[in-house]
PDB file of N, CA and C in Angstrom:
ATOM      1  N   MET A   1      -2.874 -97.440  97.931  1.00  0.00           N
ATOM      2  CA  MET A   1      -3.176 -97.761  99.137  1.00  0.00           C
ATOM      3  C   MET A   1      -2.857 -96.231  99.517  1.00  0.00           C
ATOM      4  N   ILE A   2      -3.326 -96.001 100.668  1.00  0.00           N
ATOM      5  CA  ILE A   2      -3.191 -94.681 101.530  1.00  0.00           C
ATOM      6  C   ILE A   2      -2.196 -94.894 102.543  1.00  0.00           C
ATOM      7  N   LYS A   3      -1.207 -93.740 101.974  1.00  0.00           N
ATOM      8  CA  LYS A   3       0.016 -93.326 102.680  1.00  0.00           C
ATOM      9  C   LYS A   3      -0.096 -92.973 103.872  1.00  0.00           C
ATOM     10  N   GLY A   4       0.658 -93.084 105.115  1.00  0.00           N
ATOM     11  CA  GLY A   4       1.337 -92.681 106.430  1.00  0.00           C
ATOM     12  C   GLY A   4       0.268 -92.529 106.819  1.00  0.00           C
ATOM     13  N   LYS A   5      -0.687 -93.171 106.965  1.00  0.00           N
ATOM     14  CA  LYS A   5      -1.596 -93.916 108.164  1.00  0.00           C
ATOM     15  C   LYS A   5      -1.320 -94.912 109.157  1.00  0.00           C
ATOM     16  N   LEU A   6      -1.737 -95.387 109.851  1.00  0.00           N
ATOM     17  CA  LEU A   6      -2.070 -96.400 110.671  1.00  0.00           C
ATOM     18  C   LEU A   6      -3.529 -96.694 110.789  1.00  0.00           C
ATOM     19  N   TRP A   7      -3.300 -97.962 111.114  1.00  0.00           N
ATOM     20  CA  TRP A   7      -4.545 -98.824 111.393  1.00  0.00           C
ATOM     21  C   TRP A   7      -4.745 -98.934 113.570  1.00  0.00           C
ATOM     22  N   ARG A   8      -5.721 -98.539 113.237  1.00  0.00           N
ATOM     23  CA  ARG A   8      -5.982 -98.477 114.705  1.00  0.00           C
ATOM     24  C   ARG A   8      -6.525 -99.655 115.372  1.00  0.00           C
ATOM     25  N   GLN A   9      -6.583-100.474 114.764  1.00  0.00           N
ATOM     26  CA  GLN A   9      -7.960-101.501 115.169  1.00  0.00           C
ATOM     27  C   GLN A   9      -7.700-103.125 114.456  1.00  0.00           C
ATOM     28  N   LYS A  10      -7.692-103.970 115.694  1.00  0.00           N
ATOM     29  CA  LYS A  10      -7.053-105.123 114.389  1.00  0.00           C
ATOM     30  C   LYS A  10      -8.355-105.993 114.464  1.00  0.00           C
ATOM     31  N   VAL A  11      -9.825-106.579 113.323  1.00  0.00           N
ATOM     32  CA  VAL A  11     -10.753-106.972 113.258  1.00  0.00           C
ATOM     33  C   VAL A  11     -10.828-108.434 113.492  1.00  0.00           C
ATOM     34  N   GLU A  12     -11.391-109.172 113.895  1.00  0.00           N
ATOM     35  CA  GLU A  12     -11.575-110.800 114.390  1.00  0.00           C
ATOM     36  C   GLU A  12     -12.586-111.103 114.196  1.00  0.00           C
ATOM     37  N   LYS A  13     -13.491-110.150 114.691  1.00  0.00           N
ATOM     38  CA  LYS A  13     -15.070-110.548 114.104  1.00  0.00           C
ATOM     39  C   LYS A  13     -15.918-109.429 113.967  1.00  0.00           C
ATOM     40  N   LEU A  14     -16.849-109.589 113.707  1.00  0.00           N
ATOM     41  CA  LEU A  14     -18.201-108.752 113.110  1.00  0.00           C
ATOM     42  C   LEU A  14     -17.704-107.768 114.255  1.00  0.00           C
ATOM     43  N   SER A  15     -18.456-107.958 115.244  1.00  0.00           N
ATOM     44  CA  SER A  15     -18.444-106.953 116.199  1.00  0.00           C
ATOM     45  C   SER A  15     -17.553-105.865 116.773  1.00  0.00           C
ATOM     46  N   ASP A  16     -15.961-106.788 116.281  1.00  0.00           N
ATOM     47  CA  ASP A  16     -15.169-105.625 116.789  1.00  0.00           C
ATOM     48  C   ASP A  16     -14.910-104.488 115.993  1.00  0.00           C
ATOM     49  N   LEU A  17     -15.684-104.436 115.095  1.00  0.00           N
ATOM     50  CA  LEU A  17     -15.614-103.213 113.805  1.00  0.00           C
ATOM     51  C   LEU A  17     -16.597-102.401 114.248  1.00  0.00           C
ATOM     52  N   THR A  18     -16.399-100.992 114.810  1.00  0.00           N
ATOM     53  CA  THR A  18     -17.033-100.013 115.236  1.00  0.00           C
ATOM     54  C   THR A  18     -16.936 -98.895 114.838  1.00  0.00           C
ATOM     55  N   HIS A  19     -17.588 -98.086 114.741  1.00  0.00           N
ATOM     56  CA  HIS A  19     -17.543 -95.880 114.371  1.00  0.00           C
ATOM     57  C   HIS A  19     -16.661 -95.995 114.323  1.00  0.00           C
ATOM     58  N   GLU A  20     -15.862 -96.079 115.380  1.00  0.00           N
ATOM     59  CA  GLU A  20     -14.354 -96.107 115.678  1.00  0.00           C
ATOM     60  C   GLU A  20     -13.218 -95.998 114.687  1.00  0.00           C
ATOM     61  N   ALA A  21     -13.723 -97.081 113.476  1.00  0.00           N
ATOM     62  CA  ALA A  21     -12.890 -97.201 112.311  1.00  0.00           C
ATOM     63  C   ALA A  21     -13.011 -95.798 111.154  1.00  0.00           C
ATOM     64  N   LYS A  22     -13.994 -95.409 111.604  1.00  0.00           N
ATOM     65  CA  LYS A  22     -14.626 -94.064 110.342  1.00  0.00           C
ATOM     66  C   LYS A  22     -13.174 -93.488 109.816  1.00  0.00           C
ATOM     67  N   ASP A  23     -12.896 -93.593 108.718  1.00  0.00           N
ATOM     68  CA  ASP A  23     -11.765 -92.941 108.315  1.00  0.00           C
ATOM     69  C   ASP A  23     -10.128 -93.563 108.796  1.00  0.00           C
ATOM     70  N   LYS A  24     -10.372 -95.014 109.197  1.00  0.00           N
ATOM     71  CA  LYS A  24      -9.200 -95.458 109.903  1.00  0.00           C
ATOM     72  C   LYS A  24      -8.392 -96.619 108.827  1.00  0.00           C
ATOM     73  N   LEU A  25      -7.715 -97.010 109.040  1.00  0.00           N
ATOM     74  CA  LEU A  25      -6.905 -98.072 108.043  1.00  0.00           C
ATOM     75  C   LEU A  25      -7.550 -99.720 109.143  1.00  0.00           C
ATOM     76  N   ILE A  26      -7.566-100.466 108.858  1.00  0.00           N
ATOM     77  CA  ILE A  26      -8.477-101.307 109.505  1.00  0.00           C
ATOM     78  C   ILE A  26      -7.696-102.570 108.946  1.00  0.00           C
ATOM     79  N   LYS A  27      -7.292-103.941 110.056  1.00  0.00           N
ATOM     80  CA  LYS A  27      -6.257-104.867 109.711  1.00  0.00           C
ATOM     81  C   LYS A  27      -7.316-105.906 110.043  1.00  0.00           C
ATOM     82  N   VAL A  28      -7.398-106.650 108.922  1.00  0.00           N
ATOM     83  CA  VAL A  28      -8.659-107.936 108.971  1.00  0.00           C
ATOM     84  C   VAL A  28      -7.704-109.181 108.998  1.00  0.00           C
ATOM     85  N   SER A  29      -8.086-110.494 109.549  1.00  0.00           N
ATOM     86  CA  SER A  29      -7.204-112.029 109.311  1.00  0.00           C
ATOM     87  C   SER A  29      -7.714-111.908 108.098  1.00  0.00           C
ATOM     88  N   LYS A  30      -9.421-112.843 108.192  1.00  0.00           N
ATOM     89  CA  LYS A  30      -9.892-113.216 107.425  1.00  0.00           C
ATOM     90  C   LYS A  30     -11.294-112.120 106.618  1.00  0.00           C
ATOM     91  N   LEU A  31     -10.846-111.590 105.685  1.00  0.00           N
ATOM     92  CA  LEU A  31     -11.894-110.240 104.769  1.00  0.00           C
ATOM     93  C   LEU A  31     -13.177-111.656 104.264  1.00  0.00           C
ATOM     94  N   ASP A  32     -14.583-111.252 105.060  1.00  0.00           N
ATOM     95  CA  ASP A  32     -15.043-111.779 103.981  1.00  0.00           C
ATOM     96  C   ASP A  32     -16.405-110.631 104.051  1.00  0.00           C
ATOM     97  N   GLU A  33     -17.450-111.581 103.450  1.00  0.00           N
ATOM     98  CA  GLU A  33     -18.460-109.948 102.637  1.00  0.00           C
ATOM     99  C   GLU A  33     -19.751-109.479 103.946  1.00  0.00           C
ATOM    100  N   SER A  34     -19.727-109.633 105.315  1.00  0.00           N
ATOM    101  CA  SER A  34     -19.947-109.124 106.250  1.00  0.00           C
ATOM    102  C   SER A  34     -19.586-108.250 106.873  1.00  0.00           C
ATOM    103  N   ILE A  35     -17.816-108.339 106.783  1.00  0.00           N
ATOM    104  CA  ILE A  35     -16.873-107.293 107.451  1.00  0.00           C
ATOM    105  C   ILE A  35     -16.803-105.999 106.146  1.00  0.00           C
ATOM    106  N   LEU A  36     -16.626-106.641 105.135  1.00  0.00           N
ATOM    107  CA  LEU A  36     -16.245-105.856 103.492  1.00  0.00           C
ATOM    108  C   LEU A  36     -17.388-104.874 103.925  1.00  0.00           C
ATOM    109  N   THR A  37     -19.136-105.213 104.067  1.00  0.00           N
ATOM    110  CA  THR A  37     -20.127-104.603 103.868  1.00  0.00           C
ATOM    111  C   THR A  37     -20.307-103.341 105.091  1.00  0.00           C
ATOM    112  N   LYS A  38     -19.684-103.894 106.600  1.00  0.00           N
ATOM    113  CA  LYS A  38     -20.244-102.912 107.422  1.00  0.00           C
ATOM    114  C   LYS A  38     -18.772-101.924 107.476  1.00  0.00           C
ATOM    115  N   ALA A  39     -17.812-102.232 107.048  1.00  0.00           N
ATOM    116  CA  ALA A  39     -16.546-101.612 106.833  1.00  0.00           C
ATOM    117  C   ALA A  39     -16.766-100.483 105.508  1.00  0.00           C
ATOM    118  N   GLU A  40     -17.824-100.996 105.053  1.00  0.00           N
ATOM    119  CA  GLU A  40     -18.171 -99.305 103.691  1.00  0.00           C
ATOM    120  C   GLU A  40     -19.441 -98.716 104.822  1.00  0.00           C
ATOM    121  N   VAL A  41     -19.885 -99.445 105.097  1.00  0.00           N
ATOM    122  CA  VAL A  41     -21.294 -98.598 105.733  1.00  0.00           C
ATOM    123  C   VAL A  41     -20.509 -97.854 106.964  1.00  0.00           C
ATOM    124  N   ILE A  42     -19.109 -98.195 107.481  1.00  0.00           N
ATOM    125  CA  ILE A  42     -18.787 -97.203 109.108  1.00  0.00           C
ATOM    126  C   ILE A  42     -18.161 -96.292 107.930  1.00  0.00           C
ATOM    127  N   GLU A  43     -17.349 -96.429 107.086  1.00  0.00           N
ATOM    128  CA  GLU A  43     -16.446 -95.404 106.063  1.00  0.00           C
ATOM    129  C   GLU A  43     -15.043 -95.873 106.842  1.00  0.00           C
ATOM    130  N   VAL A  44     -14.687 -97.002 106.702  1.00  0.00           N
ATOM    131  CA  VAL A  44     -13.094 -96.924 107.121  1.00  0.00           C
ATOM    132  C   VAL A  44     -12.012 -96.738 105.757  1.00  0.00           C
ATOM    133  N   LYS A  45     -11.172 -95.841 106.248  1.00  0.00           N
ATOM    134  CA  LYS A  45     -10.525 -95.394 104.699  1.00  0.00           C
ATOM    135  C   LYS A  45     -10.032 -96.886 103.671  1.00  0.00           C
ATOM    136  N   GLY A  46      -9.609 -98.048 104.802  1.00  0.00           N
ATOM    137  CA  GLY A  46      -9.193 -99.049 103.582  1.00  0.00           C
ATOM    138  C   GLY A  46      -8.841-100.246 104.849  1.00  0.00           C
ATOM    139  N   ILE A  47      -8.752-101.583 104.255  1.00  0.00           N
ATOM    140  CA  ILE A  47      -8.542-102.737 104.908  1.00  0.00           C
ATOM    141  C   ILE A  47      -7.087-103.573 104.239  1.00  0.00           C
ATOM    142  N   ILE A  48      -6.254-104.171 105.008  1.00  0.00           N
ATOM    143  CA  ILE A  48      -5.615-104.720 105.272  1.00  0.00           C
ATOM    144  C   ILE A  48      -5.483-106.220 105.948  1.00  0.00           C
ATOM    145  N   CYS A  49      -5.606-106.848 104.716  1.00  0.00           N
ATOM    146  CA  CYS A  49      -5.887-108.295 104.861  1.00  0.00           C
ATOM    147  C   CYS A  49      -4.915-109.815 104.781  1.00  0.00           C
ATOM    148  N   LEU A  50      -4.914-110.520 105.550  1.00  0.00           N
ATOM    149  CA  LEU A  50      -4.086-111.957 105.301  1.00  0.00           C
ATOM    150  C   LEU A  50      -5.107-112.950 104.021  1.00  0.00           C
ATOM    151  N   GLU A  51      -6.098-113.170 104.457  1.00  0.00           N
ATOM    152  CA  GLU A  51      -6.993-114.122 103.096  1.00  0.00           C
ATOM    153  C   GLU A  51      -8.199-112.708 102.977  1.00  0.00           C
ATOM    154  N   ILE A  52      -8.660-113.334 101.510  1.00  0.00           N
ATOM    155  CA  ILE A  52     -10.079-112.323 101.339  1.00  0.00           C
ATOM    156  C   ILE A  52     -10.942-113.753 100.813  1.00  0.00           C
ATOM    157  N   SER A  53     -12.368-114.018 101.876  1.00  0.00           N
ATOM    158  CA  SER A  53     -13.729-114.811 100.864  1.00  0.00           C
ATOM    159  C   SER A  53     -13.201-114.749  99.902  1.00  0.00           C
ATOM    160  N   ASP A  54     -13.636-116.051  99.168  1.00  0.00           N
ATOM    161  CA  ASP A  54     -14.328-115.512  97.532  1.00  0.00           C
ATOM    162  C   ASP A  54     -15.647-114.860  97.290  1.00  0.00           C
ATOM    163  N   LEU A  55     -16.247-114.873  98.429  1.00  0.00           N
ATOM    164  CA  LEU A  55     -17.711-113.956  98.649  1.00  0.00           C
ATOM    165  C   LEU A  55     -18.373-112.525  98.060  1.00  0.00           C
ATOM    166  N   CYS A  56     -16.549-112.148  98.394  1.00  0.00           N
ATOM    167  CA  CYS A  56     -16.568-111.075  98.608  1.00  0.00           C
ATOM    168  C   CYS A  56     -16.532-109.798  97.595  1.00  0.00           C
ATOM    169  N   HIS A  57     -17.871-108.969  97.685  1.00  0.00           N
ATOM    170  CA  HIS A  57     -17.931-108.119  96.709  1.00  0.00           C
ATOM    171  C   HIS A  57     -16.763-107.019  96.172  1.00  0.00           C
ATOM    172  N   GLU A  58     -16.803-106.377  94.682  1.00  0.00           N
ATOM    173  CA  GLU A  58     -15.884-105.116  94.573  1.00  0.00           C
ATOM    174  C   GLU A  58     -17.030-104.168  95.697  1.00  0.00           C
ATOM    175  N   SER A  59     -15.234-103.677  95.728  1.00  0.00           N
ATOM    176  CA  SER A  59     -16.063-101.974  96.869  1.00  0.00           C
ATOM    177  C   SER A  59     -15.297-101.112  96.750  1.00  0.00           C
ATOM    178  N   GLU A  60     -15.542-100.083  96.804  1.00  0.00           N
ATOM    179  CA  GLU A  60     -14.890 -98.890  97.004  1.00  0.00           C
ATOM    180  C   GLU A  60     -14.166 -98.489  98.064  1.00  0.00           C
ATOM    181  N   VAL A  61     -13.848 -99.353  99.011  1.00  0.00           N
ATOM    182  CA  VAL A  61     -12.700 -99.485  99.611  1.00  0.00           C
ATOM    183  C   VAL A  61     -11.947 -99.971  99.607  1.00  0.00           C
ATOM    184  N   PRO A  62     -10.411 -99.202  99.618  1.00  0.00           N
ATOM    185  CA  PRO A  62      -8.925-100.108  99.017  1.00  0.00           C
ATOM    186  C   PRO A  62      -8.807-101.010 100.580  1.00  0.00           C
ATOM    187  N   VAL A  63      -8.738-102.378  99.810  1.00  0.00           N
ATOM    188  CA  VAL A  63      -8.145-103.878 100.386  1.00  0.00           C
ATOM    189  C   VAL A  63      -6.768-104.267  99.642  1.00  0.00           C
ATOM    190  N   LYS A  64      -6.150-104.457 100.913  1.00  0.00           N
ATOM    191  CA  LYS A  64      -4.827-104.576 100.033  1.00  0.00           C
ATOM    192  C   LYS A  64      -4.837-105.825 100.823  1.00  0.00           C
ATOM    193  N   LYS A  65      -4.306-107.265 100.375  1.00  0.00           N
ATOM    194  CA  LYS A  65      -4.332-108.424 100.650  1.00  0.00           C
ATOM    195  C   LYS A  65      -2.663-108.657 101.016  1.00  0.00           C
ATOM    196  N   VAL A  66      -2.164-109.088 102.033  1.00  0.00           N
ATOM    197  CA  VAL A  66      -0.533-109.089 102.324  1.00  0.00           C
ATOM    198  C   VAL A  66      -0.312-110.760 102.247  1.00  0.00           C
ATOM    199  N   ASN A  67       1.297-111.208 102.182  1.00  0.00           N
ATOM    200  CA  ASN A  67       1.482-112.517 102.288  1.00  0.00           C
ATOM    201  C   ASN A  67       1.860-113.225 104.069  1.00  0.00           C
ATOM    202  N   LYS A  68       1.764-114.059 104.560  1.00  0.00           N
ATOM    203  CA  LYS A  68       2.450-114.589 105.806  1.00  0.00           C
ATOM    204  C   LYS A  68       3.104-113.579 106.616  1.00  0.00           C
ATOM    205  N   ASP A  69       4.379-113.434 105.895  1.00  0.00           N
ATOM    206  CA  ASP A  69       5.630-112.533 106.157  1.00  0.00           C
ATOM    207  C   ASP A  69       5.307-111.133 106.551  1.00  0.00           C
ATOM    208  N   GLU A  70       4.615-110.709 105.556  1.00  0.00           N
ATOM    209  CA  GLU A  70       4.321-109.180 105.730  1.00  0.00           C
ATOM    210  C   GLU A  70       2.913-109.265 106.384  1.00  0.00           C
ATOM    211  N   TRP A  71       2.742-109.850 106.977  1.00  0.00           N
ATOM    212  CA  TRP A  71       1.331-109.604 107.889  1.00  0.00           C
ATOM    213  C   TRP A  71       1.882-109.805 109.381  1.00  0.00           C
ATOM    214  N   ASP A  72       3.379-110.672 109.176  1.00  0.00           N
ATOM    215  CA  ASP A  72       3.657-110.787 110.894  1.00  0.00           C
ATOM    216  C   ASP A  72       4.420-109.571 111.258  1.00  0.00           C
ATOM    217  N   LYS A  73       4.794-108.786 109.895  1.00  0.00           N
ATOM    218  CA  LYS A  73       5.849-107.610 110.106  1.00  0.00           C
ATOM    219  C   LYS A  73       4.819-106.669 111.121  1.00  0.00           C
ATOM    220  N   LEU A  74       3.491-106.551 110.522  1.00  0.00           N
ATOM    221  CA  LEU A  74       2.866-105.875 110.756  1.00  0.00           C
ATOM    222  C   LEU A  74       2.101-105.476 112.556  1.00  0.00           C
ATOM    223  N   ARG A  75       1.805-104.550 113.100  1.00  0.00           N
ATOM    224  CA  ARG A  75       1.614-104.664 114.273  1.00  0.00           C
ATOM    225  C   ARG A  75       0.742-103.596 114.596  1.00  0.00           C
TER     226      ARG A  75
END
């Protein structure tokens, strides 16, 4: 995972993900295929998520899944 970076954006739906996320970490409660694909196109640095859909493909974007306790600590 990328150290020393802060996420600037929490993504709940596809339209929340904009070009402003380029080179940043994003926080996604449930990562699905469409959000992952758009994150790749925008070139985000990484994704922190609570859940990952079984349909998500492998990606060059680093994805870190955290448990509920850790998720609640993240701001």
